[in-house]
Structure formats: C-alpha cells, structure tokens
Amino acid sequence: MNQNFEKQLQQDLYEYLFSKSEVDERFPDCPDVEGKWEEIARAYLPDGVREFYDFPTASLGWMMYIGMAVAKFWDDEWEIYGNIPDLYGYIRDKRGYDNLDDYVREDVLLLQGEEPSALEKLAGDCASRVYSALRHQNIEPGTTEAFKAYVSCLHVLYLTGAAIQLKRMGYHMAKIN
C-alpha cells in the first residue's frame, strides 16, 4: 500500500502544481537534495509527529518548506550546507518550529511583496490535499501503517518543495531527445 499511496500522492500533487505552472513537465532529479531526505526525516519526525494531532497541515506543509530550503541551499553553497550534520535542526533553530515557514520564505528564499503570501497559500493547499488523501486511506491512527503513510506524505512534500524551488530558480526539467 505504502509505495502505491506515495506514487498516487506524488502524481496528484504533480498534476495540481503543473496546472498552476509551479513545476515542469518532468519531475526533477537532484540526488544531493534527495540524499538529505533520510537525515532530515529522522530529525523532523519528533517535531512533526508531536504537532500532527493539533496542526496536521502545518506538520505536513513544513516539510514542503524544508524541501524548498534544501533546494535553495543546494543552488547557493552546497559545499557548506551539504556538510551541516543536522540541516533540519539548522533551519528550525533559526526561528523555532512554529516560525519555520516564515524563516524559509523571508530569510532563505528572500521572497518579497506578495510572494510570501502566495507561497503560504500554495504550501497550505498542497498540505491540505495531502492530508485529505491521508485521511481517505482509512488507516487506524497510531499504527505502524499510519506512521509509514505519514512518512510517505512528508517524503512527497519534501520532493515537491524541492521541485517547485528548482523551477523557480530557473532549473527546467525537459526530456532530451
């Protein structure tokens, strides 16, 4: 179920974001960003799981912001950021968990004007779509299956955030003939 669920989530988000011109026709392949996933997930899970009950869309959506931040770090100075042992903790500790989204929008992505609000809405919409899909799985809360499904949701949002940011920075993924 888990791999299929994750593929369905990724396809749904991809179609939604492609319709809004937020991602390219092909999902990006960025091994450095993907390579940080397990380390980030392990560090994030205590915070994310704790917040999920009261703030499920924030718990999910924060991972999209983290994916965007890691993609930006990859583009800027990966030789520095790629060697930070706890990149999630580095991001979180700048303003705390509750303000992680503000930190990424303002200090990492340097968004201005209407851009922060537009990204906040986009991340919220994506997190809501993923949360809805998770709820429709009818998985018993507190089970191993529920945990695995939650991690799948986080993984999709992390990769999606990276894909959005890579496109925004001018990396276009097109099939080469």
N, C-alpha and C. Protein backbone atom coordinates (compact mmCIF):
# COMPACT_ATOMS: atom_id res chain seq x y z
N MET A 1 0.83 -1.20 0.00
CA MET A 1 0.00 0.00 0.00
C MET A 1 0.86 1.25 0.00
N ASN A 2 1.94 1.25 0.79
CA ASN A 2 2.69 2.48 1.01
C ASN A 2 3.32 3.06 -0.25
N GLN A 3 4.00 2.23 -1.05
CA GLN A 3 4.62 2.74 -2.27
C GLN A 3 3.56 3.22 -3.24
N ASN A 4 2.46 2.50 -3.35
CA ASN A 4 1.38 2.90 -4.24
C ASN A 4 0.76 4.21 -3.76
N PHE A 5 0.54 4.33 -2.46
CA PHE A 5 -0.01 5.56 -1.88
C PHE A 5 0.91 6.73 -2.16
N GLU A 6 2.21 6.53 -1.97
CA GLU A 6 3.17 7.61 -2.21
C GLU A 6 3.17 8.02 -3.68
N LYS A 7 3.11 7.06 -4.58
CA LYS A 7 3.07 7.37 -6.02
C LYS A 7 1.80 8.13 -6.38
N GLN A 8 0.68 7.73 -5.80
CA GLN A 8 -0.59 8.43 -6.05
C GLN A 8 -0.53 9.86 -5.54
N LEU A 9 0.02 10.04 -4.35
CA LEU A 9 0.17 11.39 -3.79
C LEU A 9 1.04 12.26 -4.69
N GLN A 10 2.17 11.71 -5.11
CA GLN A 10 3.09 12.47 -5.93
C GLN A 10 2.43 12.84 -7.26
N GLN A 11 1.69 11.92 -7.84
CA GLN A 11 1.01 12.19 -9.11
C GLN A 11 -0.06 13.26 -8.94
N ASP A 12 -0.83 13.19 -7.87
CA ASP A 12 -1.87 14.18 -7.62
C ASP A 12 -1.26 15.57 -7.44
N LEU A 13 -0.22 15.67 -6.61
CA LEU A 13 0.41 16.97 -6.39
C LEU A 13 1.06 17.48 -7.67
N TYR A 14 1.70 16.58 -8.40
CA TYR A 14 2.34 16.98 -9.66
C TYR A 14 1.30 17.58 -10.61
N GLU A 15 0.19 16.89 -10.81
CA GLU A 15 -0.84 17.38 -11.73
C GLU A 15 -1.39 18.73 -11.27
N TYR A 16 -1.63 18.86 -9.98
CA TYR A 16 -2.13 20.11 -9.42
C TYR A 16 -1.13 21.25 -9.66
N LEU A 17 0.12 21.00 -9.34
CA LEU A 17 1.14 22.04 -9.47
C LEU A 17 1.49 22.33 -10.93
N PHE A 18 1.45 21.31 -11.77
CA PHE A 18 1.71 21.52 -13.20
C PHE A 18 0.62 22.42 -13.79
N SER A 19 -0.63 22.23 -13.36
CA SER A 19 -1.73 23.05 -13.85
C SER A 19 -1.57 24.51 -13.43
N LYS A 20 -0.80 24.75 -12.37
CA LYS A 20 -0.53 26.11 -11.88
C LYS A 20 0.84 26.62 -12.35
N SER A 21 1.50 25.87 -13.23
CA SER A 21 2.83 26.20 -13.75
C SER A 21 3.88 26.34 -12.65
N GLU A 22 3.73 25.56 -11.58
CA GLU A 22 4.69 25.59 -10.47
C GLU A 22 5.79 24.54 -10.62
N VAL A 23 5.57 23.54 -11.47
CA VAL A 23 6.58 22.52 -11.75
C VAL A 23 6.64 22.30 -13.26
N ASP A 24 7.76 21.74 -13.71
CA ASP A 24 7.94 21.44 -15.13
C ASP A 24 7.23 20.14 -15.51
N GLU A 25 7.27 19.85 -16.80
CA GLU A 25 6.61 18.64 -17.29
C GLU A 25 7.26 17.37 -16.76
N ARG A 26 8.50 17.46 -16.34
CA ARG A 26 9.20 16.31 -15.75
C ARG A 26 9.62 16.68 -14.32
N PHE A 27 9.46 15.72 -13.44
CA PHE A 27 9.87 15.93 -12.06
C PHE A 27 11.41 15.94 -12.02
N PRO A 28 12.03 16.86 -11.28
CA PRO A 28 13.49 16.96 -11.30
C PRO A 28 14.18 15.80 -10.60
N ASP A 29 15.40 15.59 -11.01
CA ASP A 29 16.25 14.60 -10.38
C ASP A 29 17.43 15.36 -9.78
N CYS A 30 17.46 15.47 -8.48
CA CYS A 30 18.53 16.20 -7.79
C CYS A 30 19.05 15.32 -6.66
N PRO A 31 20.01 14.44 -6.97
CA PRO A 31 20.50 13.46 -5.98
C PRO A 31 21.00 14.07 -4.68
N ASP A 32 21.60 15.27 -4.73
CA ASP A 32 22.10 15.88 -3.49
C ASP A 32 20.94 16.19 -2.54
N VAL A 33 19.87 16.76 -3.07
CA VAL A 33 18.70 17.09 -2.25
C VAL A 33 18.03 15.80 -1.76
N GLU A 34 17.83 14.85 -2.67
CA GLU A 34 17.22 13.57 -2.30
C GLU A 34 18.08 12.86 -1.25
N GLY A 35 19.39 12.98 -1.37
CA GLY A 35 20.30 12.32 -0.45
C GLY A 35 20.20 12.82 0.99
N LYS A 36 19.66 13.99 1.19
CA LYS A 36 19.48 14.54 2.54
C LYS A 36 18.16 14.08 3.18
N TRP A 37 17.28 13.44 2.39
CA TRP A 37 15.94 13.11 2.86
C TRP A 37 15.94 12.31 4.16
N GLU A 38 16.65 11.19 4.21
CA GLU A 38 16.56 10.33 5.40
C GLU A 38 17.04 11.05 6.65
N GLU A 39 18.14 11.77 6.54
CA GLU A 39 18.68 12.53 7.68
C GLU A 39 17.67 13.58 8.15
N ILE A 40 17.07 14.29 7.21
CA ILE A 40 16.09 15.32 7.55
C ILE A 40 14.84 14.69 8.16
N ALA A 41 14.38 13.61 7.56
CA ALA A 41 13.17 12.94 8.07
C ALA A 41 13.38 12.47 9.51
N ARG A 42 14.52 11.82 9.77
CA ARG A 42 14.80 11.34 11.14
C ARG A 42 14.79 12.49 12.14
N ALA A 43 15.38 13.62 11.75
CA ALA A 43 15.44 14.77 12.66
C ALA A 43 14.07 15.44 12.81
N TYR A 44 13.28 15.43 11.74
CA TYR A 44 11.99 16.13 11.74
C TYR A 44 10.89 15.35 12.47
N LEU A 45 10.93 14.05 12.41
CA LEU A 45 9.81 13.23 12.92
C LEU A 45 9.39 13.54 14.36
N PRO A 46 10.29 13.72 15.32
CA PRO A 46 9.80 14.05 16.67
C PRO A 46 8.95 15.32 16.70
N ASP A 47 9.35 16.36 15.97
CA ASP A 47 8.57 17.60 15.92
C ASP A 47 7.29 17.39 15.12
N GLY A 48 7.42 16.80 13.95
CA GLY A 48 6.27 16.63 13.06
C GLY A 48 5.17 15.77 13.66
N VAL A 49 5.55 14.66 14.26
CA VAL A 49 4.56 13.76 14.87
C VAL A 49 3.88 14.46 16.05
N ARG A 50 4.67 15.15 16.87
CA ARG A 50 4.11 15.87 18.03
C ARG A 50 3.05 16.89 17.59
N GLU A 51 3.30 17.60 16.50
CA GLU A 51 2.41 18.66 16.04
C GLU A 51 1.24 18.15 15.18
N PHE A 52 1.35 16.92 14.68
CA PHE A 52 0.36 16.43 13.71
C PHE A 52 -1.06 16.41 14.26
N TYR A 53 -1.25 16.00 15.48
CA TYR A 53 -2.61 15.87 16.03
C TYR A 53 -3.35 17.20 16.02
N ASP A 54 -2.71 18.27 16.49
CA ASP A 54 -3.37 19.58 16.57
C ASP A 54 -3.23 20.41 15.30
N PHE A 55 -2.14 20.21 14.57
CA PHE A 55 -1.85 21.04 13.38
C PHE A 55 -1.38 20.16 12.22
N PRO A 56 -2.26 19.31 11.70
CA PRO A 56 -1.81 18.36 10.66
C PRO A 56 -1.29 19.03 9.39
N THR A 57 -1.93 20.10 8.93
CA THR A 57 -1.45 20.71 7.69
C THR A 57 -0.12 21.42 7.90
N ALA A 58 0.11 21.98 9.07
CA ALA A 58 1.42 22.59 9.35
C ALA A 58 2.49 21.50 9.44
N SER A 59 2.17 20.42 10.14
CA SER A 59 3.11 19.31 10.27
C SER A 59 3.52 18.78 8.90
N LEU A 60 2.59 18.72 7.98
CA LEU A 60 2.89 18.26 6.62
C LEU A 60 3.54 19.37 5.79
N GLY A 61 2.95 20.55 5.82
CA GLY A 61 3.40 21.65 4.98
C GLY A 61 4.81 22.12 5.28
N TRP A 62 5.23 22.02 6.54
CA TRP A 62 6.58 22.46 6.90
C TRP A 62 7.60 21.69 6.08
N MET A 63 7.29 20.42 5.77
CA MET A 63 8.25 19.62 5.02
C MET A 63 8.40 20.14 3.59
N MET A 64 7.35 20.72 3.05
CA MET A 64 7.47 21.33 1.72
C MET A 64 8.43 22.52 1.78
N TYR A 65 8.30 23.32 2.82
CA TYR A 65 9.23 24.43 3.01
C TYR A 65 10.67 23.94 3.17
N ILE A 66 10.84 22.87 3.90
CA ILE A 66 12.19 22.32 4.09
C ILE A 66 12.76 21.88 2.75
N GLY A 67 11.96 21.22 1.92
CA GLY A 67 12.42 20.83 0.59
C GLY A 67 12.83 22.02 -0.25
N MET A 68 12.07 23.10 -0.14
CA MET A 68 12.41 24.33 -0.88
C MET A 68 13.73 24.91 -0.35
N ALA A 69 13.89 24.94 0.96
CA ALA A 69 15.12 25.48 1.55
C ALA A 69 16.33 24.66 1.14
N VAL A 70 16.21 23.35 1.17
CA VAL A 70 17.34 22.49 0.80
C VAL A 70 17.71 22.70 -0.67
N ALA A 71 16.71 22.84 -1.53
CA ALA A 71 16.99 23.11 -2.95
C ALA A 71 17.71 24.45 -3.11
N LYS A 72 17.30 25.44 -2.35
CA LYS A 72 17.95 26.76 -2.41
C LYS A 72 19.38 26.66 -1.89
N PHE A 73 19.57 25.94 -0.80
CA PHE A 73 20.92 25.75 -0.26
C PHE A 73 21.80 25.03 -1.29
N TRP A 74 21.22 24.04 -1.97
CA TRP A 74 21.96 23.28 -2.99
C TRP A 74 22.44 24.22 -4.09
N ASP A 75 21.61 25.15 -4.47
CA ASP A 75 21.96 26.09 -5.53
C ASP A 75 22.96 27.14 -5.06
N ASP A 76 22.85 27.55 -3.81
CA ASP A 76 23.69 28.63 -3.29
C ASP A 76 25.10 28.16 -2.94
N GLU A 77 25.21 27.39 -1.89
CA GLU A 77 26.52 26.98 -1.38
C GLU A 77 26.44 25.57 -0.80
N TRP A 78 26.22 24.60 -1.67
CA TRP A 78 26.03 23.22 -1.22
C TRP A 78 27.27 22.68 -0.50
N GLU A 79 28.46 23.16 -0.88
CA GLU A 79 29.67 22.66 -0.22
C GLU A 79 29.65 23.02 1.27
N ILE A 80 28.92 24.03 1.64
CA ILE A 80 28.76 24.39 3.06
C ILE A 80 27.52 23.69 3.64
N TYR A 81 26.35 23.95 3.04
CA TYR A 81 25.09 23.42 3.58
C TYR A 81 25.02 21.89 3.52
N GLY A 82 25.59 21.32 2.49
CA GLY A 82 25.55 19.86 2.36
C GLY A 82 26.32 19.14 3.45
N ASN A 83 27.20 19.87 4.14
CA ASN A 83 28.00 19.27 5.21
C ASN A 83 27.49 19.59 6.60
N ILE A 84 26.40 20.31 6.71
CA ILE A 84 25.80 20.57 8.02
C ILE A 84 25.18 19.26 8.50
N PRO A 85 25.59 18.76 9.67
CA PRO A 85 25.15 17.44 10.11
C PRO A 85 23.65 17.32 10.38
N ASP A 86 22.99 18.38 10.81
CA ASP A 86 21.54 18.35 11.05
C ASP A 86 20.93 19.57 10.35
N LEU A 87 20.69 19.41 9.06
CA LEU A 87 20.19 20.52 8.27
C LEU A 87 18.79 20.94 8.72
N TYR A 88 17.94 19.97 9.10
CA TYR A 88 16.62 20.32 9.62
C TYR A 88 16.75 21.17 10.88
N GLY A 89 17.58 20.73 11.82
CA GLY A 89 17.79 21.49 13.06
C GLY A 89 18.32 22.88 12.78
N TYR A 90 19.20 22.99 11.81
CA TYR A 90 19.74 24.29 11.41
C TYR A 90 18.62 25.22 10.96
N ILE A 91 17.72 24.71 10.14
CA ILE A 91 16.58 25.51 9.64
C ILE A 91 15.64 25.84 10.79
N ARG A 92 15.24 24.83 11.55
CA ARG A 92 14.28 25.01 12.64
C ARG A 92 14.77 25.99 13.70
N ASP A 93 16.03 25.88 14.04
CA ASP A 93 16.54 26.65 15.16
C ASP A 93 16.73 28.13 14.86
N LYS A 94 16.61 28.53 13.62
CA LYS A 94 16.75 29.96 13.28
C LYS A 94 15.63 30.77 13.92
N ARG A 95 14.38 30.25 13.89
CA ARG A 95 13.24 30.97 14.49
C ARG A 95 12.32 30.06 15.28
N GLY A 96 12.66 28.79 15.39
CA GLY A 96 11.81 27.84 16.09
C GLY A 96 10.85 27.14 15.14
N TYR A 97 10.32 26.02 15.59
CA TYR A 97 9.45 25.21 14.75
C TYR A 97 8.24 26.00 14.25
N ASP A 98 7.60 26.74 15.14
CA ASP A 98 6.36 27.44 14.77
C ASP A 98 6.58 28.49 13.69
N ASN A 99 7.77 29.01 13.56
CA ASN A 99 8.06 30.05 12.57
C ASN A 99 8.97 29.57 11.45
N LEU A 100 9.07 28.27 11.29
CA LEU A 100 9.92 27.70 10.25
C LEU A 100 9.51 28.21 8.87
N ASP A 101 8.22 28.29 8.63
CA ASP A 101 7.73 28.75 7.32
C ASP A 101 8.15 30.19 7.05
N ASP A 102 8.02 31.05 8.06
CA ASP A 102 8.43 32.45 7.89
C ASP A 102 9.92 32.55 7.61
N TYR A 103 10.72 31.79 8.34
CA TYR A 103 12.17 31.82 8.13
C TYR A 103 12.51 31.43 6.69
N VAL A 104 11.91 30.35 6.20
CA VAL A 104 12.23 29.89 4.84
C VAL A 104 11.79 30.94 3.82
N ARG A 105 10.56 31.44 3.96
CA ARG A 105 10.07 32.42 2.98
C ARG A 105 10.89 33.71 2.99
N GLU A 106 11.21 34.20 4.17
CA GLU A 106 11.85 35.52 4.30
C GLU A 106 13.37 35.47 4.21
N ASP A 107 14.00 34.54 4.92
CA ASP A 107 15.46 34.56 5.04
C ASP A 107 16.19 33.61 4.10
N VAL A 108 15.53 32.55 3.68
CA VAL A 108 16.17 31.61 2.77
C VAL A 108 15.80 31.95 1.32
N LEU A 109 14.50 32.03 1.06
CA LEU A 109 14.05 32.29 -0.31
C LEU A 109 14.03 33.77 -0.66
N LEU A 110 14.09 34.61 0.38
CA LEU A 110 14.13 36.07 0.20
C LEU A 110 12.94 36.60 -0.60
N LEU A 111 11.75 36.07 -0.30
CA LEU A 111 10.55 36.49 -1.01
C LEU A 111 10.13 37.88 -0.55
N GLN A 112 9.54 38.63 -1.46
CA GLN A 112 9.12 40.00 -1.16
C GLN A 112 7.74 40.26 -1.75
N GLY A 113 7.14 41.35 -1.31
CA GLY A 113 5.84 41.77 -1.84
C GLY A 113 4.77 40.74 -1.55
N GLU A 114 4.09 40.31 -2.60
CA GLU A 114 3.01 39.32 -2.48
C GLU A 114 3.52 37.88 -2.48
N GLU A 115 4.81 37.70 -2.78
CA GLU A 115 5.36 36.35 -2.91
C GLU A 115 5.21 35.51 -1.63
N PRO A 116 5.51 36.04 -0.45
CA PRO A 116 5.36 35.20 0.76
C PRO A 116 3.92 34.71 0.95
N SER A 117 2.95 35.58 0.74
CA SER A 117 1.54 35.18 0.90
C SER A 117 1.15 34.14 -0.14
N ALA A 118 1.62 34.33 -1.37
CA ALA A 118 1.29 33.37 -2.44
C ALA A 118 1.89 32.00 -2.14
N LEU A 119 3.12 31.98 -1.63
CA LEU A 119 3.74 30.69 -1.29
C LEU A 119 3.05 30.07 -0.09
N GLU A 120 2.66 30.87 0.89
CA GLU A 120 1.94 30.35 2.05
C GLU A 120 0.66 29.66 1.61
N LYS A 121 -0.07 30.27 0.68
CA LYS A 121 -1.31 29.68 0.17
C LYS A 121 -1.01 28.39 -0.59
N LEU A 122 0.02 28.42 -1.44
CA LEU A 122 0.36 27.23 -2.22
C LEU A 122 0.76 26.07 -1.31
N ALA A 123 1.62 26.34 -0.33
CA ALA A 123 2.04 25.29 0.61
C ALA A 123 0.84 24.77 1.41
N GLY A 124 -0.04 25.67 1.83
CA GLY A 124 -1.24 25.26 2.55
C GLY A 124 -2.15 24.40 1.71
N ASP A 125 -2.31 24.77 0.44
CA ASP A 125 -3.15 23.98 -0.47
C ASP A 125 -2.56 22.59 -0.68
N CYS A 126 -1.25 22.52 -0.87
CA CYS A 126 -0.60 21.22 -1.07
C CYS A 126 -0.72 20.36 0.19
N ALA A 127 -0.46 20.94 1.35
CA ALA A 127 -0.56 20.19 2.60
C ALA A 127 -1.99 19.71 2.84
N SER A 128 -2.98 20.53 2.50
CA SER A 128 -4.38 20.14 2.66
C SER A 128 -4.75 18.99 1.73
N ARG A 129 -4.25 19.04 0.50
CA ARG A 129 -4.51 17.95 -0.45
C ARG A 129 -3.92 16.63 0.07
N VAL A 130 -2.70 16.71 0.58
CA VAL A 130 -2.04 15.51 1.08
C VAL A 130 -2.75 15.00 2.33
N TYR A 131 -3.13 15.89 3.22
CA TYR A 131 -3.84 15.48 4.44
C TYR A 131 -5.18 14.83 4.09
N SER A 132 -5.89 15.39 3.14
CA SER A 132 -7.15 14.80 2.70
C SER A 132 -6.92 13.40 2.15
N ALA A 133 -5.91 13.24 1.34
CA ALA A 133 -5.60 11.91 0.78
C ALA A 133 -5.24 10.93 1.89
N LEU A 134 -4.50 11.39 2.88
CA LEU A 134 -4.12 10.54 4.01
C LEU A 134 -5.36 10.10 4.79
N ARG A 135 -6.26 11.04 5.08
CA ARG A 135 -7.49 10.71 5.82
C ARG A 135 -8.34 9.71 5.05
N HIS A 136 -8.36 9.82 3.73
CA HIS A 136 -9.18 8.92 2.92
C HIS A 136 -8.59 7.51 2.82
N GLN A 137 -7.43 7.29 3.37
CA GLN A 137 -6.85 5.94 3.39
C GLN A 137 -7.50 5.08 4.47
N ASN A 138 -8.22 5.71 5.39
CA ASN A 138 -8.89 5.00 6.48
C ASN A 138 -7.94 4.08 7.25
N ILE A 139 -6.80 4.64 7.60
CA ILE A 139 -5.80 3.91 8.36
C ILE A 139 -6.03 4.20 9.83
N GLU A 140 -5.94 3.16 10.64
CA GLU A 140 -6.13 3.34 12.07
C GLU A 140 -4.99 4.17 12.65
N PRO A 141 -5.31 5.30 13.32
CA PRO A 141 -4.27 6.15 13.92
C PRO A 141 -3.43 5.38 14.92
N GLY A 142 -2.16 5.76 15.01
CA GLY A 142 -1.27 5.17 16.00
C GLY A 142 -0.68 3.83 15.59
N THR A 143 -0.96 3.37 14.39
CA THR A 143 -0.43 2.08 13.94
C THR A 143 0.84 2.29 13.12
N THR A 144 1.56 1.20 12.91
CA THR A 144 2.75 1.25 12.07
C THR A 144 2.37 1.71 10.66
N GLU A 145 1.24 1.24 10.17
CA GLU A 145 0.77 1.63 8.84
C GLU A 145 0.52 3.14 8.77
N ALA A 146 -0.05 3.71 9.83
CA ALA A 146 -0.31 5.15 9.86
C ALA A 146 1.01 5.93 9.86
N PHE A 147 1.98 5.46 10.61
CA PHE A 147 3.28 6.11 10.65
C PHE A 147 3.94 6.08 9.27
N LYS A 148 3.92 4.93 8.64
CA LYS A 148 4.53 4.80 7.31
C LYS A 148 3.83 5.70 6.29
N ALA A 149 2.52 5.80 6.38
CA ALA A 149 1.77 6.67 5.46
C ALA A 149 2.13 8.13 5.70
N TYR A 150 2.28 8.52 6.97
CA TYR A 150 2.69 9.88 7.31
C TYR A 150 4.08 10.19 6.73
N VAL A 151 5.01 9.27 6.88
CA VAL A 151 6.36 9.47 6.34
C VAL A 151 6.30 9.57 4.82
N SER A 152 5.45 8.79 4.18
CA SER A 152 5.28 8.90 2.73
C SER A 152 4.78 10.29 2.34
N CYS A 153 3.85 10.81 3.10
CA CYS A 153 3.34 12.17 2.85
C CYS A 153 4.46 13.19 2.97
N LEU A 154 5.26 13.08 4.01
CA LEU A 154 6.37 14.00 4.21
C LEU A 154 7.37 13.91 3.05
N HIS A 155 7.66 12.69 2.60
CA HIS A 155 8.62 12.50 1.51
C HIS A 155 8.13 13.17 0.23
N VAL A 156 6.87 12.99 -0.08
CA VAL A 156 6.29 13.62 -1.27
C VAL A 156 6.36 15.13 -1.17
N LEU A 157 6.03 15.68 -0.01
CA LEU A 157 6.05 17.13 0.16
C LEU A 157 7.47 17.68 0.11
N TYR A 158 8.43 16.96 0.64
CA TYR A 158 9.83 17.37 0.58
C TYR A 158 10.29 17.45 -0.87
N LEU A 159 10.04 16.39 -1.63
CA LEU A 159 10.45 16.37 -3.04
C LEU A 159 9.70 17.41 -3.86
N THR A 160 8.44 17.61 -3.53
CA THR A 160 7.62 18.60 -4.24
C THR A 160 8.14 20.00 -3.97
N GLY A 161 8.46 20.30 -2.72
CA GLY A 161 9.03 21.60 -2.39
C GLY A 161 10.32 21.85 -3.15
N ALA A 162 11.17 20.84 -3.21
CA ALA A 162 12.42 20.96 -3.96
C ALA A 162 12.14 21.21 -5.44
N ALA A 163 11.18 20.49 -6.00
CA ALA A 163 10.84 20.65 -7.43
C ALA A 163 10.35 22.06 -7.73
N ILE A 164 9.50 22.58 -6.87
CA ILE A 164 8.98 23.94 -7.05
C ILE A 164 10.13 24.94 -7.01
N GLN A 165 11.00 24.81 -6.01
CA GLN A 165 12.09 25.76 -5.86
C GLN A 165 13.09 25.66 -7.00
N LEU A 166 13.39 24.45 -7.45
CA LEU A 166 14.32 24.30 -8.58
C LEU A 166 13.77 25.01 -9.81
N LYS A 167 12.48 24.88 -10.06
CA LYS A 167 11.89 25.57 -11.21
C LYS A 167 11.96 27.08 -11.01
N ARG A 168 11.66 27.54 -9.83
CA ARG A 168 11.70 28.99 -9.55
C ARG A 168 13.10 29.57 -9.74
N MET A 169 14.11 28.74 -9.53
CA MET A 169 15.49 29.21 -9.70
C MET A 169 15.98 29.06 -11.13
N GLY A 170 15.11 28.58 -12.01
CA GLY A 170 15.47 28.50 -13.41
C GLY A 170 15.95 27.15 -13.89
N TYR A 171 15.88 26.14 -13.05
CA TYR A 171 16.23 24.79 -13.50
C TYR A 171 14.99 24.19 -14.15
N HIS A 172 15.07 23.92 -15.44
CA HIS A 172 13.92 23.38 -16.16
C HIS A 172 14.20 21.95 -16.53
N MET A 173 13.24 21.12 -16.22
CA MET A 173 13.36 19.69 -16.48
C MET A 173 12.58 19.37 -17.75
N ALA A 174 13.30 19.12 -18.81
CA ALA A 174 12.67 18.77 -20.07
C ALA A 174 13.33 17.51 -20.60
N LYS A 175 12.56 16.70 -21.30
CA LYS A 175 13.08 15.48 -21.88
C LYS A 175 14.04 15.83 -23.00
N ILE A 176 15.20 15.19 -23.01
CA ILE A 176 16.20 15.43 -24.05
C ILE A 176 16.05 14.32 -25.08
N ASN A 177 15.97 14.72 -26.33
CA ASN A 177 15.81 13.73 -27.41
C ASN A 177 17.16 13.25 -27.90
